[in-house]
Every structure is written in C-alpha cells, then in structure tokens.
Amino acid sequence: MSWLVFPIAALLEIAGCFAFWAWWRGAAVGWLALGVVALLGFAAVLATAPVAQAGRAFAAYGGVYIAASLGWMWLVERVRPDGADLVGAALCLAGAAVIVLTPR
C-alpha cells in the first residue's frame, strides 16, 4: 500500500489546486470548499509517506507530482503531453525512485 501514498497525494493536491484555480476564474464558491477539503486530504495522505525524513518524502513526492500533473492535463484538460513532457516526467520519476529506494 505504501506505493499508493504519492499518487493519491498528487491527485488530491492537483484537484485541490485546480479547484482554487477554477474558483479564481469565476467558478462557483463551492469549488473553493472542494479545494480546501482536497488540500487537507493531500496533507494528511502525504504525512503517511513511508520515508523517515519529511524532506526526502517531499522531494520524492515532487517527481510523482510532476508526472501526475501531466496526467491531469491530459485527462481533465484534454491537452496531450508532448515528447519533452514525457521525457521530463520520466526523469523526475527516476529521481524520485533514487531518493526513496536508495538504502541508507
């Protein structure tokens, strides 16, 4: 289950930020409430990351967040990532794996 922490956190953070983004651009105030709930969920989920140091957890999460953001762009915003997006995301995920999986 620990491998689900970062993707779930990313989904909650992106959804929360997107809700604020939508509200700022004229969506109903209910979007703001959804954003707050999603961002609180994000913080709660990320706090359970199976990494001993918060800084390492946040650094590794950053790589997953970048890849998930491109997935959001594709699935929700209907803009397909290009080759540079995919290479960049792969590099970020590789970096996240090094941070999390390297024995210490």
Protein backbone atom coordinates (compact mmCIF):
# COMPACT_ATOMS: atom_id res chain seq x y z
CA MET A 1 0.00 0.00 0.00
CA SER A 2 2.87 2.41 0.62
CA TRP A 3 3.46 2.81 -3.12
CA LEU A 4 0.00 4.42 -3.39
CA VAL A 5 0.75 7.28 -0.99
CA PHE A 6 2.45 9.60 -3.50
CA PRO A 7 -0.05 9.12 -6.38
CA ILE A 8 -3.03 9.61 -4.05
CA ALA A 9 -1.42 12.69 -2.53
CA ALA A 10 -0.72 14.05 -6.01
CA LEU A 11 -4.32 13.53 -7.14
CA LEU A 12 -5.62 15.34 -4.04
CA GLU A 13 -3.18 18.22 -4.38
CA ILE A 14 -3.79 18.71 -8.08
CA ALA A 15 -7.57 18.52 -7.62
CA GLY A 16 -7.40 20.99 -4.73
CA CYS A 17 -5.24 23.45 -6.63
CA PHE A 18 -7.40 23.05 -9.74
CA ALA A 19 -10.50 23.85 -7.65
CA PHE A 20 -8.90 27.08 -6.43
CA TRP A 21 -7.78 27.85 -9.98
CA ALA A 22 -11.35 27.34 -11.26
CA TRP A 23 -12.87 29.45 -8.47
CA TRP A 24 -10.39 32.26 -9.11
CA ARG A 25 -11.53 32.28 -12.73
CA GLY A 26 -15.21 32.56 -11.91
CA ALA A 27 -16.47 29.10 -10.86
CA ALA A 28 -18.97 28.87 -8.01
CA VAL A 29 -17.76 29.28 -4.42
CA GLY A 30 -18.38 25.57 -3.86
CA TRP A 31 -15.17 24.93 -5.81
CA LEU A 32 -13.30 26.78 -3.08
CA ALA A 33 -14.72 24.43 -0.42
CA LEU A 34 -13.79 21.40 -2.52
CA GLY A 35 -10.29 22.79 -2.87
CA VAL A 36 -9.87 23.16 0.88
CA VAL A 37 -11.07 19.61 1.53
CA ALA A 38 -8.82 18.15 -1.17
CA LEU A 39 -5.76 20.04 0.09
CA LEU A 40 -6.39 18.92 3.67
CA GLY A 41 -6.64 15.36 2.38
CA PHE A 42 -3.40 15.83 0.46
CA ALA A 43 -1.54 16.92 3.59
CA ALA A 44 -2.95 14.03 5.62
CA VAL A 45 -2.03 11.44 2.98
CA LEU A 46 1.47 12.79 2.35
CA ALA A 47 2.15 12.71 6.10
CA THR A 48 1.82 8.92 5.94
CA ALA A 49 4.62 8.56 3.36
CA PRO A 50 6.89 5.63 4.30
CA VAL A 51 10.05 7.78 4.32
CA ALA A 52 11.91 8.56 7.56
CA GLN A 53 12.61 12.24 6.80
CA ALA A 54 9.95 14.72 5.73
CA GLY A 55 12.33 16.46 3.34
CA ARG A 56 13.06 13.23 1.49
CA ALA A 57 9.37 12.40 1.32
CA PHE A 58 8.57 15.84 -0.09
CA ALA A 59 11.44 15.70 -2.60
CA ALA A 60 10.44 12.26 -3.87
CA TYR A 61 6.79 13.31 -3.97
CA GLY A 62 7.75 16.21 -6.23
CA GLY A 63 8.70 13.82 -9.01
CA VAL A 64 5.39 12.00 -8.75
CA TYR A 65 3.53 15.32 -8.64
CA ILE A 66 5.12 16.43 -11.90
CA ALA A 67 4.11 13.23 -13.69
CA ALA A 68 0.62 13.33 -12.21
CA SER A 69 0.20 16.96 -13.29
CA LEU A 70 0.81 15.94 -16.88
CA GLY A 71 -1.73 13.13 -16.47
CA TRP A 72 -4.25 15.67 -15.15
CA MET A 73 -3.54 17.95 -18.10
CA TRP A 74 -4.22 15.05 -20.47
CA LEU A 75 -7.29 13.55 -18.78
CA VAL A 76 -9.04 16.63 -17.39
CA GLU A 77 -7.86 19.48 -19.57
CA ARG A 78 -7.73 17.37 -22.76
CA VAL A 79 -4.21 18.53 -23.70
CA ARG A 80 -1.93 15.67 -24.63
CA PRO A 81 1.62 15.84 -23.20
CA ASP A 82 4.33 16.06 -25.84
CA GLY A 83 7.61 14.17 -26.02
CA ALA A 84 9.50 16.71 -23.92
CA ASP A 85 6.80 16.49 -21.22
CA LEU A 86 7.14 12.71 -21.12
CA VAL A 87 10.94 12.74 -21.01
CA GLY A 88 10.88 15.33 -18.25
CA ALA A 89 8.36 13.34 -16.23
CA ALA A 90 10.39 10.16 -16.66
CA LEU A 91 13.49 11.95 -15.37
CA CYS A 92 11.54 13.24 -12.38
CA LEU A 93 10.18 9.79 -11.56
CA ALA A 94 13.67 8.32 -11.86
CA GLY A 95 14.93 10.94 -9.43
CA ALA A 96 12.09 10.21 -7.02
CA ALA A 97 12.92 6.49 -7.17
CA VAL A 98 16.57 7.19 -6.38
CA ILE A 99 15.59 9.30 -3.37
CA VAL A 100 13.14 6.75 -1.96
CA LEU A 101 14.79 3.45 -2.88
CA THR A 102 18.45 4.11 -2.12
CA PRO A 103 19.46 2.20 1.02
CA ARG A 104 20.79 4.43 3.78
